[in-house]
Protein backbone atom coordinates (compact mmCIF):
# COMPACT_ATOMS: atom_id res chain seq x y z
CA MET A 1 116.44 -67.85 79.09
CA LYS A 2 117.32 -66.08 75.85
CA LYS A 3 119.78 -63.20 76.02
CA ILE A 4 119.20 -60.32 73.64
CA LEU A 5 121.40 -57.30 72.99
CA ILE A 6 119.35 -54.45 71.52
CA ILE A 7 121.31 -51.56 70.08
CA GLY A 8 119.13 -48.54 69.37
CA ALA A 9 116.70 -49.45 72.13
CA ASN A 10 115.11 -45.99 72.17
CA SER A 11 114.08 -46.18 68.52
CA ALA A 12 110.41 -46.44 67.62
CA LEU A 13 111.10 -49.61 65.61
CA ALA A 14 112.83 -51.37 68.49
CA LEU A 15 110.18 -50.77 71.15
CA PRO A 16 107.56 -53.29 69.93
CA CYS A 17 110.25 -56.00 69.74
CA ILE A 18 111.50 -55.12 73.21
CA LYS A 19 108.00 -55.44 74.63
CA ILE A 20 107.48 -58.85 73.02
CA TRP A 21 110.79 -60.11 74.41
CA ALA A 22 110.08 -58.62 77.83
CA LYS A 23 106.73 -60.47 77.96
CA LYS A 24 108.62 -63.70 77.27
CA ASP A 25 110.91 -63.00 80.24
CA TYR A 26 114.04 -62.77 78.10
CA SER A 27 117.20 -61.19 79.44
CA LEU A 28 117.54 -57.80 77.77
CA PHE A 29 120.60 -55.60 77.41
CA LEU A 30 119.51 -52.23 76.03
CA VAL A 31 121.87 -49.76 74.37
CA GLY A 32 121.00 -46.19 73.44
CA ARG A 33 122.38 -42.65 73.27
CA ASN A 34 119.84 -40.88 75.43
CA GLU A 35 120.44 -41.80 79.07
CA GLU A 36 117.17 -40.40 80.40
CA LYS A 37 115.03 -42.23 77.82
CA LEU A 38 116.98 -45.43 78.34
CA LYS A 39 116.58 -45.32 82.12
CA ASN A 40 112.86 -44.56 81.78
CA LEU A 41 112.44 -47.48 79.39
CA LYS A 42 114.33 -49.77 81.77
CA ASN A 43 112.21 -48.70 84.76
CA ASP A 44 108.94 -49.07 82.84
CA LEU A 45 109.80 -52.53 81.56
CA GLU A 46 111.06 -53.76 84.94
CA LYS A 47 107.86 -52.61 86.65
CA LYS A 48 105.48 -53.87 83.98
CA TYR A 49 107.13 -57.25 83.31
CA ASN A 50 109.02 -57.85 86.55
CA ILE A 51 112.30 -58.54 84.78
CA ASN A 52 115.85 -57.33 85.26
CA ILE A 53 117.23 -55.25 82.40
CA GLN A 54 120.79 -54.13 81.78
CA ILE A 55 121.47 -50.83 80.02
CA SER A 56 124.42 -49.09 78.43
CA VAL A 57 124.47 -45.47 77.32
CA LYS A 58 126.61 -45.28 74.19
CA ASN A 59 126.90 -42.96 71.26
CA LEU A 60 128.27 -45.15 68.48
CA ILE A 61 129.87 -42.25 66.64
CA ASN A 62 133.39 -43.68 66.75
CA LYS A 63 135.24 -46.98 66.57
CA LYS A 64 136.30 -46.88 70.25
CA ASN A 65 132.68 -46.83 71.48
CA CYS A 66 131.77 -49.63 69.07
CA ASP A 67 134.70 -51.76 70.24
CA GLU A 68 133.86 -51.20 73.92
CA LEU A 69 130.30 -52.48 73.50
CA LYS A 70 131.22 -56.15 73.09
CA ASP A 71 133.48 -56.13 76.15
CA GLU A 72 130.83 -54.35 78.21
CA TYR A 73 128.17 -56.87 77.18
CA PHE A 74 130.31 -59.92 78.01
CA ARG A 75 131.35 -58.55 81.41
CA GLU A 76 127.74 -59.14 82.44
CA ASN A 77 126.75 -62.03 80.14
CA ASP A 78 128.31 -65.34 79.15
CA SER A 79 126.38 -65.85 75.89
CA ILE A 80 124.22 -64.08 73.35
CA ASP A 81 121.18 -65.41 71.50
CA ILE A 82 120.12 -62.39 69.48
CA LEU A 83 122.03 -59.30 68.43
CA PHE A 84 119.39 -56.77 67.31
CA ILE A 85 120.57 -53.53 65.73
CA CYS A 86 118.01 -50.82 65.16
CA TYR A 87 119.53 -47.36 64.88
CA GLY A 88 120.52 -44.83 62.26
CA ILE A 89 120.11 -41.26 61.12
CA LEU A 90 118.56 -39.84 57.96
CA GLY A 91 120.65 -36.67 57.83
CA GLU A 92 120.20 -33.55 55.76
CA GLN A 93 121.28 -34.30 52.19
CA GLU A 94 122.57 -30.79 51.39
CA LYS A 95 124.60 -30.63 54.61
CA LEU A 96 126.11 -34.03 53.85
CA ILE A 97 127.05 -32.90 50.35
CA SER A 98 128.72 -29.70 51.53
CA ASN A 99 130.40 -30.93 54.73
CA ASN A 100 132.72 -33.91 54.54
CA ASP A 101 132.94 -34.27 58.33
CA SER A 102 129.16 -34.63 58.49
CA LEU A 103 129.33 -37.07 55.58
CA VAL A 104 131.90 -39.26 57.32
CA ASN A 105 129.88 -39.28 60.56
CA HIS A 106 126.72 -40.13 58.65
CA VAL A 107 128.28 -43.06 56.79
CA PHE A 108 129.98 -44.28 59.97
CA ILE A 109 126.76 -44.30 61.98
CA ASN A 110 124.57 -45.85 59.28
CA SER A 111 126.90 -48.59 58.09
CA ILE A 112 130.47 -48.81 59.40
CA SER A 113 129.60 -48.75 63.12
CA LYS A 114 127.10 -51.58 62.63
CA ILE A 115 129.61 -53.64 60.67
CA ILE A 116 132.24 -53.13 63.40
CA ILE A 117 129.79 -54.19 66.11
CA ILE A 118 128.59 -57.25 64.21
CA ASN A 119 132.16 -58.30 63.40
CA SER A 120 133.10 -58.08 67.07
CA PHE A 121 130.34 -60.57 67.98
CA ILE A 122 130.89 -63.08 65.14
CA SER A 123 133.47 -65.16 67.01
CA HIS A 124 131.10 -65.57 69.98
CA PHE A 125 128.25 -66.70 67.76
CA LYS A 126 130.54 -69.14 65.93
CA LYS A 127 131.73 -70.69 69.23
CA GLN A 128 128.12 -71.12 70.36
CA LYS A 129 127.09 -72.52 66.96
CA LYS A 130 123.74 -70.81 67.31
CA GLY A 131 122.11 -67.41 67.46
CA SER A 132 120.62 -64.68 65.35
CA ILE A 133 121.81 -61.33 64.09
CA ALA A 134 118.98 -59.00 63.08
CA VAL A 135 119.55 -55.56 61.63
CA ILE A 136 116.95 -53.01 60.58
CA THR A 137 118.09 -51.31 57.38
CA SER A 138 116.15 -49.19 54.91
CA VAL A 139 114.57 -49.68 51.52
CA ALA A 140 116.59 -46.58 50.61
CA GLY A 141 119.53 -48.98 50.29
CA ASP A 142 117.75 -50.74 47.42
CA ILE A 143 116.90 -47.69 45.34
CA GLY A 144 118.78 -44.56 44.42
CA LYS A 145 116.88 -41.34 44.99
CA SER A 146 118.28 -37.86 44.49
CA SER A 147 116.69 -36.73 47.77
CA ASN A 148 118.63 -39.17 49.98
CA PHE A 149 121.31 -40.93 47.94
CA ILE A 150 123.91 -40.64 50.71
CA TYR A 151 121.60 -42.25 53.27
CA GLY A 152 120.66 -44.85 50.67
CA SER A 153 124.26 -45.68 49.80
CA SER A 154 125.10 -46.18 53.48
CA ASN A 155 122.22 -48.64 53.78
CA ALA A 156 123.21 -50.36 50.53
CA THR A 157 126.68 -50.96 51.94
CA LEU A 158 125.21 -52.46 55.09
CA SER A 159 122.70 -54.60 53.20
CA ASN A 160 125.41 -56.04 50.95
CA TYR A 161 127.57 -56.81 53.98
CA LEU A 162 124.62 -58.57 55.66
CA THR A 163 123.89 -60.64 52.55
CA GLY A 164 127.43 -61.98 52.50
CA LEU A 165 127.46 -62.43 56.27
CA ARG A 166 124.28 -64.51 56.16
CA GLN A 167 125.92 -66.86 53.66
CA TYR A 168 129.13 -67.02 55.68
CA LEU A 169 127.38 -67.82 58.98
CA PHE A 170 124.88 -70.34 57.59
CA SER A 171 127.17 -73.34 58.20
CA PHE A 172 127.55 -72.26 61.85
CA ASN A 173 123.75 -72.38 62.44
CA ILE A 174 123.61 -68.60 62.84
CA ASN A 175 120.72 -66.70 61.27
């Protein structure tokens, strides 16, 4: 049975993937910020597909929460087949320009937190010599637009990291 960690499980982009994996009877570990939505999703999926789902309520706004996620996952699981990351925030451009605290949080959530999480799982994937890391980014990382250049630059950072990571992990049979 495949084991999949889905971070950003409450997002509209993650839900179709979750349903496909649930139909295939995969073991799912769902992570999201909104406890009520996450519990409702868990209950719905367990009833509809008769599977057991693990959940974790986490706001990945700081390094501590990102670091804790790997340990929490491996307390309940001995391996991982797919790490699927599907979260982020668009933010209000003018607020990000005028408030450096908001800017730092925005960049952390959209790129740095994902890089920290992925890095924490790399050693496990390398030991297994198999697995997949899938991350939803944004086309905004490929183009610079005046309306969302901060959001775009956060996604560009993540996309460049993922390009190098893909090359690095290729020899370990990790996609």
